[in-house]
Amino acid sequence: RQLGCQMPAPFMTLSFISLPTVPELGLTARQHMAQVLEYCKYYAAHFSPRESTSLYLFGSAGLGKTHLALSIANTVLQKGCDVVYVSAQNAFDAIERERFASGEGDTMATLQSAELLILDDLGTEYISPYVNSCLYSLVNTRVCRRLPTIYTSNIVNDADLQRRYTEKVVSRLLGSCETLCFCGTDIRLMDK
């Protein structure tokens, strides 16, 4: 299932990624992203709902995080697995609307039980104590059930995550994920 996004063509090409060396990585952006791409292809090809780890894809805007997450989803869907894609903002808006609509709706239950959940653009949602509580419940339930989640975010360091969310949320989220850093130049701005 997908909520509001078209599936992209399978996996991205790296020809658009710049060649300058990224000092922290000791590689060019293209070399680093080639490693990220190969890891994600392997992840998708070997996906197992109860055995695959969760992923935290992070980096600046326009680097292909959502595209790559949806490419993984496309491969996993072809295996017959239940995949739910939703932006963090839309997910928490729906959960909050359902809360005030006499408890009708099952968004949280759907998110908690999907064999693969893609929670896109984490950090763009309006944060409130209620949303923080919902995020904790979502992350904790999926960790306890050993269900993989792919999070994408422009939040690039732990300190910013800690400021935005509680320590308990960040500990569970990052403690359950392989973290993949995206680098390069914003694809959306390249032709302007």
N, C-alpha and C. Protein backbone atom coordinates (compact mmCIF):
# COMPACT_ATOMS: atom_id res chain seq x y z
N ARG A 1 0.84 -1.18 0.00
CA ARG A 1 0.00 0.00 0.00
C ARG A 1 0.88 1.24 0.00
N GLN A 2 0.40 2.24 -0.62
CA GLN A 2 1.13 3.51 -0.59
C GLN A 2 0.15 4.63 -0.39
N LEU A 3 0.57 5.63 0.30
CA LEU A 3 -0.31 6.76 0.58
C LEU A 3 0.28 8.02 -0.06
N GLY A 4 -0.14 8.33 -1.27
CA GLY A 4 0.18 9.62 -1.87
C GLY A 4 1.50 9.77 -2.57
N CYS A 5 2.09 8.70 -3.10
CA CYS A 5 3.35 8.86 -3.81
C CYS A 5 3.45 7.79 -4.88
N GLN A 6 3.88 8.15 -6.06
CA GLN A 6 4.06 7.19 -7.14
C GLN A 6 5.38 6.44 -6.95
N MET A 7 5.37 5.16 -7.28
CA MET A 7 6.60 4.37 -7.22
C MET A 7 7.53 4.82 -8.33
N PRO A 8 8.81 5.05 -8.03
CA PRO A 8 9.76 5.45 -9.05
C PRO A 8 10.23 4.25 -9.85
N ALA A 9 10.97 4.51 -10.91
CA ALA A 9 11.64 3.43 -11.63
C ALA A 9 12.60 2.76 -10.65
N PRO A 10 12.89 1.49 -10.86
CA PRO A 10 13.80 0.81 -9.93
C PRO A 10 15.15 1.53 -9.84
N PHE A 11 15.64 1.70 -8.69
CA PHE A 11 16.93 2.24 -8.31
C PHE A 11 17.49 3.32 -9.23
N MET A 12 18.15 4.25 -8.60
CA MET A 12 18.65 5.46 -9.22
C MET A 12 19.95 5.24 -9.97
N THR A 13 20.29 6.19 -10.81
CA THR A 13 21.59 6.24 -11.46
C THR A 13 22.45 7.23 -10.70
N LEU A 14 23.75 7.05 -10.76
CA LEU A 14 24.64 7.92 -9.97
C LEU A 14 25.35 8.97 -10.82
N SER A 15 25.03 9.04 -12.10
CA SER A 15 25.77 9.93 -13.00
C SER A 15 25.64 11.40 -12.62
N PHE A 16 24.59 11.78 -11.92
CA PHE A 16 24.36 13.18 -11.55
C PHE A 16 25.13 13.60 -10.31
N ILE A 17 25.71 12.65 -9.58
CA ILE A 17 26.36 12.96 -8.30
C ILE A 17 27.76 13.51 -8.55
N SER A 18 28.10 14.59 -7.86
CA SER A 18 29.37 15.28 -8.04
C SER A 18 30.55 14.41 -7.62
N LEU A 19 31.73 14.78 -8.10
CA LEU A 19 32.94 13.99 -7.85
C LEU A 19 33.86 14.50 -6.74
N PRO A 20 33.67 15.71 -6.19
CA PRO A 20 34.60 16.16 -5.15
C PRO A 20 34.64 15.21 -3.96
N THR A 21 35.82 15.11 -3.35
CA THR A 21 35.98 14.24 -2.20
C THR A 21 35.27 14.83 -0.99
N VAL A 22 34.61 13.96 -0.24
CA VAL A 22 33.97 14.35 1.01
C VAL A 22 34.97 14.00 2.11
N PRO A 23 35.61 15.02 2.74
CA PRO A 23 36.71 14.77 3.67
C PRO A 23 36.38 13.77 4.78
N GLU A 24 35.17 13.86 5.36
CA GLU A 24 34.81 12.96 6.47
C GLU A 24 34.76 11.51 6.02
N LEU A 25 34.50 11.28 4.74
CA LEU A 25 34.34 9.92 4.24
C LEU A 25 35.60 9.39 3.55
N GLY A 26 36.45 10.30 3.09
CA GLY A 26 37.65 9.88 2.37
C GLY A 26 37.32 9.33 0.99
N LEU A 27 36.13 9.63 0.49
CA LEU A 27 35.67 9.17 -0.82
C LEU A 27 35.01 10.33 -1.54
N THR A 28 34.83 10.19 -2.84
CA THR A 28 34.00 11.18 -3.53
C THR A 28 32.55 10.90 -3.17
N ALA A 29 31.70 11.89 -3.37
CA ALA A 29 30.27 11.70 -3.11
C ALA A 29 29.74 10.56 -3.96
N ARG A 30 30.20 10.47 -5.21
CA ARG A 30 29.73 9.40 -6.10
C ARG A 30 30.17 8.03 -5.58
N GLN A 31 31.41 7.91 -5.12
CA GLN A 31 31.89 6.63 -4.58
C GLN A 31 31.07 6.23 -3.35
N HIS A 32 30.86 7.19 -2.46
CA HIS A 32 30.09 6.90 -1.25
C HIS A 32 28.66 6.49 -1.59
N MET A 33 28.01 7.24 -2.48
CA MET A 33 26.64 6.94 -2.83
C MET A 33 26.53 5.61 -3.60
N ALA A 34 27.59 5.23 -4.33
CA ALA A 34 27.59 3.91 -4.98
C ALA A 34 27.55 2.81 -3.92
N GLN A 35 28.24 3.01 -2.81
CA GLN A 35 28.20 2.03 -1.71
C GLN A 35 26.81 1.99 -1.08
N VAL A 36 26.21 3.16 -0.87
CA VAL A 36 24.86 3.23 -0.30
C VAL A 36 23.88 2.53 -1.23
N LEU A 37 23.98 2.79 -2.53
CA LEU A 37 23.09 2.18 -3.51
C LEU A 37 23.22 0.66 -3.51
N GLU A 38 24.44 0.16 -3.50
CA GLU A 38 24.65 -1.29 -3.49
C GLU A 38 24.09 -1.92 -2.22
N TYR A 39 24.29 -1.25 -1.09
CA TYR A 39 23.74 -1.76 0.17
C TYR A 39 22.22 -1.85 0.08
N CYS A 40 21.58 -0.80 -0.45
CA CYS A 40 20.12 -0.78 -0.53
C CYS A 40 19.58 -1.80 -1.53
N LYS A 41 20.29 -2.03 -2.63
CA LYS A 41 19.89 -3.08 -3.57
C LYS A 41 19.95 -4.45 -2.88
N TYR A 42 21.03 -4.69 -2.15
CA TYR A 42 21.17 -5.95 -1.42
C TYR A 42 20.06 -6.09 -0.38
N TYR A 43 19.81 -5.01 0.36
CA TYR A 43 18.76 -4.99 1.37
C TYR A 43 17.42 -5.39 0.76
N ALA A 44 17.08 -4.77 -0.37
CA ALA A 44 15.79 -5.04 -1.03
C ALA A 44 15.73 -6.48 -1.54
N ALA A 45 16.80 -6.94 -2.15
CA ALA A 45 16.82 -8.29 -2.72
C ALA A 45 16.71 -9.37 -1.65
N HIS A 46 17.23 -9.10 -0.46
CA HIS A 46 17.25 -10.09 0.62
C HIS A 46 16.28 -9.74 1.75
N PHE A 47 15.32 -8.87 1.46
CA PHE A 47 14.39 -8.42 2.49
C PHE A 47 13.60 -9.58 3.09
N SER A 48 13.51 -9.55 4.41
CA SER A 48 12.68 -10.50 5.15
C SER A 48 11.97 -9.73 6.25
N PRO A 49 10.63 -9.81 6.31
CA PRO A 49 9.88 -9.00 7.28
C PRO A 49 10.30 -9.16 8.73
N ARG A 50 10.76 -10.29 9.13
CA ARG A 50 11.14 -10.48 10.54
C ARG A 50 12.64 -10.49 10.77
N GLU A 51 13.42 -10.41 9.69
CA GLU A 51 14.88 -10.51 9.85
C GLU A 51 15.63 -9.27 9.40
N SER A 52 15.04 -8.48 8.50
CA SER A 52 15.75 -7.30 8.01
C SER A 52 15.79 -6.22 9.09
N THR A 53 16.86 -5.48 9.09
CA THR A 53 17.02 -4.37 10.03
C THR A 53 16.25 -3.16 9.52
N SER A 54 16.09 -2.17 10.36
CA SER A 54 15.52 -0.90 9.95
C SER A 54 16.64 -0.02 9.39
N LEU A 55 16.27 0.98 8.60
CA LEU A 55 17.23 1.90 8.00
C LEU A 55 16.85 3.34 8.33
N TYR A 56 17.86 4.15 8.61
CA TYR A 56 17.69 5.59 8.78
C TYR A 56 18.50 6.26 7.69
N LEU A 57 17.82 6.77 6.66
CA LEU A 57 18.47 7.43 5.53
C LEU A 57 18.45 8.93 5.79
N PHE A 58 19.62 9.54 5.91
CA PHE A 58 19.64 10.95 6.28
C PHE A 58 20.61 11.73 5.41
N GLY A 59 20.33 13.00 5.28
CA GLY A 59 21.17 13.90 4.52
C GLY A 59 20.35 15.11 4.11
N SER A 60 21.00 16.04 3.46
CA SER A 60 20.33 17.27 3.01
C SER A 60 19.22 16.94 2.02
N ALA A 61 18.41 17.95 1.72
CA ALA A 61 17.31 17.79 0.78
C ALA A 61 17.82 17.51 -0.62
N GLY A 62 17.04 16.74 -1.38
CA GLY A 62 17.31 16.54 -2.80
C GLY A 62 18.41 15.58 -3.14
N LEU A 63 18.73 14.65 -2.25
CA LEU A 63 19.82 13.71 -2.50
C LEU A 63 19.35 12.31 -2.88
N GLY A 64 18.04 12.10 -2.95
CA GLY A 64 17.52 10.81 -3.40
C GLY A 64 17.09 9.85 -2.31
N LYS A 65 16.92 10.34 -1.10
CA LYS A 65 16.53 9.44 0.01
C LYS A 65 15.16 8.81 -0.24
N THR A 66 14.19 9.64 -0.59
CA THR A 66 12.85 9.13 -0.83
C THR A 66 12.83 8.21 -2.04
N HIS A 67 13.51 8.61 -3.11
CA HIS A 67 13.57 7.77 -4.31
C HIS A 67 14.14 6.39 -3.98
N LEU A 68 15.22 6.36 -3.23
CA LEU A 68 15.85 5.08 -2.91
C LEU A 68 14.95 4.25 -1.99
N ALA A 69 14.30 4.89 -1.02
CA ALA A 69 13.38 4.16 -0.13
C ALA A 69 12.22 3.56 -0.93
N LEU A 70 11.70 4.31 -1.89
CA LEU A 70 10.60 3.80 -2.71
C LEU A 70 11.07 2.73 -3.69
N SER A 71 12.32 2.80 -4.12
CA SER A 71 12.87 1.73 -4.96
C SER A 71 12.96 0.43 -4.17
N ILE A 72 13.37 0.53 -2.91
CA ILE A 72 13.38 -0.65 -2.03
C ILE A 72 11.95 -1.18 -1.90
N ALA A 73 11.00 -0.28 -1.66
CA ALA A 73 9.60 -0.67 -1.51
C ALA A 73 9.10 -1.40 -2.74
N ASN A 74 9.45 -0.91 -3.91
CA ASN A 74 9.04 -1.53 -5.16
C ASN A 74 9.51 -2.98 -5.23
N THR A 75 10.76 -3.23 -4.89
CA THR A 75 11.31 -4.59 -4.90
C THR A 75 10.62 -5.46 -3.86
N VAL A 76 10.41 -4.91 -2.67
CA VAL A 76 9.79 -5.66 -1.57
C VAL A 76 8.32 -5.97 -1.91
N LEU A 77 7.61 -5.03 -2.53
CA LEU A 77 6.23 -5.27 -2.95
C LEU A 77 6.15 -6.42 -3.96
N GLN A 78 7.12 -6.50 -4.86
CA GLN A 78 7.15 -7.56 -5.86
C GLN A 78 7.33 -8.94 -5.21
N LYS A 79 7.85 -8.97 -3.99
CA LYS A 79 7.98 -10.23 -3.25
C LYS A 79 6.68 -10.61 -2.54
N GLY A 80 5.68 -9.73 -2.61
CA GLY A 80 4.39 -10.00 -1.99
C GLY A 80 4.29 -9.54 -0.55
N CYS A 81 5.21 -8.71 -0.10
CA CYS A 81 5.17 -8.20 1.28
C CYS A 81 4.25 -6.99 1.37
N ASP A 82 3.75 -6.75 2.57
CA ASP A 82 2.90 -5.60 2.87
C ASP A 82 3.80 -4.40 3.16
N VAL A 83 3.75 -3.39 2.29
CA VAL A 83 4.57 -2.20 2.44
C VAL A 83 3.65 -0.99 2.57
N VAL A 84 3.92 -0.15 3.56
CA VAL A 84 3.18 1.09 3.72
C VAL A 84 4.17 2.24 3.63
N TYR A 85 3.90 3.18 2.72
CA TYR A 85 4.68 4.41 2.60
C TYR A 85 3.80 5.56 3.05
N VAL A 86 4.34 6.44 3.89
CA VAL A 86 3.62 7.65 4.29
C VAL A 86 4.65 8.68 4.76
N SER A 87 4.35 9.95 4.48
CA SER A 87 5.21 11.01 5.03
C SER A 87 4.90 11.13 6.52
N ALA A 88 5.89 11.51 7.29
CA ALA A 88 5.70 11.66 8.73
C ALA A 88 4.59 12.67 9.01
N GLN A 89 4.58 13.76 8.28
CA GLN A 89 3.56 14.79 8.50
C GLN A 89 2.16 14.22 8.26
N ASN A 90 1.96 13.51 7.16
CA ASN A 90 0.64 12.94 6.87
C ASN A 90 0.25 11.87 7.87
N ALA A 91 1.21 11.06 8.30
CA ALA A 91 0.92 10.00 9.27
C ALA A 91 0.41 10.58 10.57
N PHE A 92 1.14 11.55 11.12
CA PHE A 92 0.75 12.08 12.42
C PHE A 92 -0.48 12.98 12.34
N ASP A 93 -0.67 13.65 11.20
CA ASP A 93 -1.92 14.40 11.00
C ASP A 93 -3.11 13.45 11.02
N ALA A 94 -3.00 12.32 10.32
CA ALA A 94 -4.09 11.34 10.27
C ALA A 94 -4.38 10.75 11.65
N ILE A 95 -3.33 10.41 12.37
CA ILE A 95 -3.50 9.84 13.71
C ILE A 95 -4.20 10.84 14.62
N GLU A 96 -3.78 12.10 14.54
CA GLU A 96 -4.39 13.12 15.39
C GLU A 96 -5.85 13.38 15.00
N ARG A 97 -6.14 13.41 13.69
CA ARG A 97 -7.53 13.58 13.24
C ARG A 97 -8.41 12.45 13.76
N GLU A 98 -7.90 11.22 13.66
CA GLU A 98 -8.67 10.06 14.11
C GLU A 98 -8.92 10.11 15.62
N ARG A 99 -7.98 10.65 16.34
CA ARG A 99 -8.11 10.78 17.80
C ARG A 99 -9.34 11.62 18.17
N PHE A 100 -9.57 12.68 17.39
CA PHE A 100 -10.67 13.59 17.69
C PHE A 100 -11.94 13.25 16.93
N ALA A 101 -11.92 12.21 16.13
CA ALA A 101 -13.11 11.79 15.37
C ALA A 101 -13.69 10.54 16.02
N SER A 102 -13.95 10.63 17.30
CA SER A 102 -14.54 9.55 18.11
C SER A 102 -13.79 8.22 18.00
N GLY A 103 -12.46 8.32 17.87
CA GLY A 103 -11.65 7.11 17.88
C GLY A 103 -11.74 6.28 16.62
N GLU A 104 -12.39 6.80 15.57
CA GLU A 104 -12.52 6.06 14.31
C GLU A 104 -11.20 6.11 13.54
N GLY A 105 -10.87 5.03 12.88
CA GLY A 105 -9.67 4.99 12.05
C GLY A 105 -8.64 4.03 12.60
N ASP A 106 -7.79 3.59 11.72
CA ASP A 106 -6.80 2.60 12.12
C ASP A 106 -5.40 2.91 11.60
N THR A 107 -5.10 4.19 11.40
CA THR A 107 -3.78 4.56 10.86
C THR A 107 -2.65 4.02 11.73
N MET A 108 -2.73 4.23 13.05
CA MET A 108 -1.65 3.76 13.93
C MET A 108 -1.49 2.25 13.84
N ALA A 109 -2.59 1.52 13.87
CA ALA A 109 -2.52 0.06 13.79
C ALA A 109 -1.91 -0.39 12.46
N THR A 110 -2.26 0.29 11.37
CA THR A 110 -1.70 -0.03 10.06
C THR A 110 -0.19 0.21 10.05
N LEU A 111 0.23 1.34 10.60
CA LEU A 111 1.66 1.67 10.64
C LEU A 111 2.43 0.71 11.54
N GLN A 112 1.83 0.31 12.63
CA GLN A 112 2.50 -0.58 13.57
C GLN A 112 2.64 -2.01 13.05
N SER A 113 1.78 -2.42 12.12
CA SER A 113 1.78 -3.82 11.71
C SER A 113 2.31 -4.10 10.31
N ALA A 114 2.60 -3.08 9.51
CA ALA A 114 3.10 -3.31 8.15
C ALA A 114 4.39 -4.11 8.18
N GLU A 115 4.55 -5.00 7.20
CA GLU A 115 5.79 -5.78 7.14
C GLU A 115 6.99 -4.88 6.86
N LEU A 116 6.77 -3.82 6.09
CA LEU A 116 7.78 -2.78 5.91
C LEU A 116 7.06 -1.44 5.93
N LEU A 117 7.50 -0.55 6.81
CA LEU A 117 6.97 0.80 6.88
C LEU A 117 8.05 1.75 6.39
N ILE A 118 7.64 2.66 5.51
CA ILE A 118 8.54 3.75 5.10
C ILE A 118 7.93 5.03 5.64
N LEU A 119 8.61 5.62 6.62
CA LEU A 119 8.18 6.88 7.22
C LEU A 119 9.09 7.97 6.67
N ASP A 120 8.57 8.69 5.69
CA ASP A 120 9.35 9.64 4.90
C ASP A 120 9.36 11.02 5.54
N ASP A 121 10.48 11.70 5.41
CA ASP A 121 10.65 13.08 5.86
C ASP A 121 10.40 13.26 7.35
N LEU A 122 10.93 12.35 8.15
CA LEU A 122 10.86 12.49 9.60
C LEU A 122 11.53 13.81 9.98
N GLY A 123 10.83 14.60 10.77
CA GLY A 123 11.34 15.91 11.15
C GLY A 123 10.55 17.05 10.52
N THR A 124 9.67 16.72 9.57
CA THR A 124 8.85 17.76 8.94
C THR A 124 7.49 17.90 9.62
N GLU A 125 7.14 16.93 10.45
CA GLU A 125 5.84 16.96 11.13
C GLU A 125 5.85 18.01 12.23
N TYR A 126 4.66 18.55 12.52
CA TYR A 126 4.51 19.47 13.63
C TYR A 126 4.71 18.67 14.91
N ILE A 127 5.65 19.08 15.73
CA ILE A 127 5.96 18.30 16.94
C ILE A 127 5.17 18.86 18.12
N SER A 128 4.56 17.96 18.83
CA SER A 128 3.81 18.28 20.05
C SER A 128 4.02 17.11 20.99
N PRO A 129 3.66 17.27 22.25
CA PRO A 129 3.77 16.12 23.16
C PRO A 129 3.00 14.91 22.64
N TYR A 130 1.83 15.14 22.04
CA TYR A 130 1.04 14.03 21.51
C TYR A 130 1.75 13.33 20.36
N VAL A 131 2.29 14.11 19.42
CA VAL A 131 3.01 13.53 18.28
C VAL A 131 4.25 12.79 18.76
N ASN A 132 4.96 13.37 19.72
CA ASN A 132 6.14 12.70 20.28
C ASN A 132 5.74 11.35 20.91
N SER A 133 4.61 11.34 21.61
CA SER A 133 4.11 10.11 22.21
C SER A 133 3.74 9.09 21.14
N CYS A 134 3.11 9.54 20.07
CA CYS A 134 2.74 8.64 18.97
C CYS A 134 3.98 8.07 18.28
N LEU A 135 4.99 8.92 18.07
CA LEU A 135 6.22 8.44 17.44
C LEU A 135 6.89 7.40 18.33
N TYR A 136 6.94 7.67 19.63
CA TYR A 136 7.52 6.69 20.56
C TYR A 136 6.76 5.37 20.46
N SER A 137 5.44 5.42 20.49
CA SER A 137 4.63 4.21 20.42
C SER A 137 4.87 3.46 19.11
N LEU A 138 4.94 4.18 18.02
CA LEU A 138 5.18 3.57 16.71
C LEU A 138 6.54 2.90 16.65
N VAL A 139 7.58 3.64 17.01
CA VAL A 139 8.94 3.09 16.96
C VAL A 139 9.07 1.91 17.92
N ASN A 140 8.62 2.08 19.15
CA ASN A 140 8.76 1.03 20.16
C ASN A 140 8.00 -0.24 19.75
N THR A 141 6.78 -0.09 19.26
CA THR A 141 5.99 -1.25 18.86
C THR A 141 6.67 -2.00 17.72
N ARG A 142 7.16 -1.27 16.73
CA ARG A 142 7.82 -1.92 15.60
C ARG A 142 9.12 -2.60 16.02
N VAL A 143 9.88 -1.98 16.93
CA VAL A 143 11.10 -2.60 17.44
C VAL A 143 10.74 -3.88 18.19
N CYS A 144 9.75 -3.84 19.06
CA CYS A 144 9.35 -5.02 19.84
C CYS A 144 8.84 -6.15 18.95
N ARG A 145 8.16 -5.79 17.87
CA ARG A 145 7.64 -6.80 16.94
C ARG A 145 8.69 -7.23 15.91
N ARG A 146 9.85 -6.59 15.95
CA ARG A 146 10.95 -6.88 15.02
C ARG A 146 10.53 -6.67 13.57
N LEU A 147 9.81 -5.58 13.35
CA LEU A 147 9.37 -5.22 12.01
C LEU A 147 10.23 -4.06 11.49
N PRO A 148 10.78 -4.19 10.29
CA PRO A 148 11.67 -3.16 9.76
C PRO A 148 10.93 -1.90 9.31
N THR A 149 11.60 -0.78 9.52
CA THR A 149 11.10 0.53 9.12
C THR A 149 12.23 1.25 8.39
N ILE A 150 11.88 1.96 7.34
CA ILE A 150 12.84 2.84 6.68
C ILE A 150 12.39 4.27 6.98
N TYR A 151 13.26 5.01 7.66
CA TYR A 151 13.01 6.41 7.97
C TYR A 151 13.87 7.24 7.03
N THR A 152 13.33 8.30 6.45
CA THR A 152 14.16 9.26 5.73
C THR A 152 14.05 10.58 6.47
N SER A 153 15.15 11.33 6.49
CA SER A 153 15.15 12.58 7.25
C SER A 153 16.25 13.51 6.77
N ASN A 154 15.98 14.80 6.90
CA ASN A 154 17.02 15.81 6.68
C ASN A 154 17.78 16.12 7.97
N ILE A 155 17.38 15.49 9.07
CA ILE A 155 18.08 15.68 10.35
C ILE A 155 19.34 14.83 10.32
N VAL A 156 20.48 15.51 10.33
CA VAL A 156 21.74 14.82 10.04
C VAL A 156 22.58 14.47 11.26
N ASN A 157 22.23 14.96 12.44
CA ASN A 157 23.05 14.57 13.58
C ASN A 157 22.20 14.24 14.80
N ASP A 158 22.79 13.43 15.67
CA ASP A 158 22.08 12.95 16.85
C ASP A 158 21.61 14.09 17.76
N ALA A 159 22.42 15.13 17.87
CA ALA A 159 22.07 16.24 18.76
C ALA A 159 20.77 16.91 18.31
N ASP A 160 20.62 17.10 16.99
CA ASP A 160 19.39 17.70 16.47
C ASP A 160 18.19 16.78 16.69
N LEU A 161 18.41 15.48 16.54
CA LEU A 161 17.34 14.51 16.82
C LEU A 161 16.93 14.59 18.29
N GLN A 162 17.93 14.66 19.18
CA GLN A 162 17.67 14.73 20.62
C GLN A 162 16.88 15.99 20.98
N ARG A 163 17.20 17.12 20.32
CA ARG A 163 16.48 18.36 20.59
C ARG A 163 15.03 18.27 20.13
N ARG A 164 14.80 17.59 19.03
CA ARG A 164 13.45 17.52 18.45
C ARG A 164 12.57 16.48 19.14
N TYR A 165 13.15 15.34 19.45
CA TYR A 165 12.40 14.22 20.04
C TYR A 165 12.99 13.90 21.41
N THR A 166 12.36 13.02 22.14
CA THR A 166 12.87 12.65 23.45
C THR A 166 14.03 11.67 23.31
N GLU A 167 14.81 11.57 24.36
CA GLU A 167 15.94 10.64 24.39
C GLU A 167 15.47 9.21 24.15
N LYS A 168 14.30 8.86 24.73
CA LYS A 168 13.76 7.50 24.56
C LYS A 168 13.44 7.20 23.10
N VAL A 169 12.87 8.16 22.39
CA VAL A 169 12.54 7.97 20.98
C VAL A 169 13.82 7.80 20.17
N VAL A 170 14.78 8.69 20.37
CA VAL A 170 16.02 8.67 19.59
C VAL A 170 16.81 7.39 19.87
N SER A 171 16.87 6.97 21.12
CA SER A 171 17.59 5.75 21.47
C SER A 171 16.99 4.54 20.76
N ARG A 172 15.68 4.42 20.78
CA ARG A 172 15.03 3.28 20.13
C ARG A 172 15.15 3.36 18.61
N LEU A 173 14.98 4.56 18.08
CA LEU A 173 15.04 4.73 16.63
C LEU A 173 16.44 4.39 16.11
N LEU A 174 17.44 5.09 16.60
CA LEU A 174 18.80 4.88 16.09
C LEU A 174 19.37 3.53 16.53
N GLY A 175 18.95 3.05 17.70
CA GLY A 175 19.43 1.76 18.17
C GLY A 175 18.92 0.59 17.36
N SER A 176 17.85 0.81 16.60
CA SER A 176 17.27 -0.28 15.80
C SER A 176 17.61 -0.15 14.32
N CYS A 177 18.37 0.87 13.94
CA CYS A 177 18.61 1.16 12.52
C CYS A 177 20.07 1.07 12.10
N GLU A 178 20.25 0.70 10.84
CA GLU A 178 21.50 0.96 10.14
C GLU A 178 21.34 2.39 9.63
N THR A 179 22.35 3.23 9.83
CA THR A 179 22.26 4.62 9.37
C THR A 179 23.04 4.77 8.07
N LEU A 180 22.41 5.39 7.08
CA LEU A 180 23.03 5.60 5.78
C LEU A 180 23.01 7.09 5.47
N CYS A 181 24.20 7.66 5.38
CA CYS A 181 24.37 9.09 5.10
C CYS A 181 24.34 9.33 3.59
N PHE A 182 23.53 10.30 3.17
CA PHE A 182 23.46 10.69 1.77
C PHE A 182 24.23 11.99 1.60
N CYS A 183 25.03 12.09 0.55
CA CYS A 183 25.80 13.31 0.31
C CYS A 183 25.77 13.63 -1.18
N GLY A 184 26.14 14.84 -1.51
CA GLY A 184 26.13 15.28 -2.90
C GLY A 184 25.48 16.64 -3.01
N THR A 185 24.96 16.92 -4.21
CA THR A 185 24.33 18.19 -4.52
C THR A 185 22.84 17.96 -4.74
N ASP A 186 22.02 18.87 -4.28
CA ASP A 186 20.57 18.77 -4.43
C ASP A 186 20.21 18.57 -5.90
N ILE A 187 19.65 17.41 -6.21
CA ILE A 187 19.29 17.05 -7.58
C ILE A 187 18.27 18.02 -8.15
N ARG A 188 17.35 18.48 -7.32
CA ARG A 188 16.29 19.36 -7.78
C ARG A 188 16.80 20.73 -8.23
N LEU A 189 17.97 21.13 -7.75
CA LEU A 189 18.50 22.45 -8.08
C LEU A 189 19.57 22.41 -9.18
N MET A 190 19.91 21.23 -9.65
CA MET A 190 21.02 21.10 -10.60
C MET A 190 20.74 21.73 -11.97
N ASP A 191 19.53 21.69 -12.45
CA ASP A 191 19.21 22.20 -13.78
C ASP A 191 18.76 23.65 -13.76
N LYS A 192 18.81 24.31 -12.63
CA LYS A 192 18.33 25.68 -12.54
C LYS A 192 19.43 26.66 -12.82
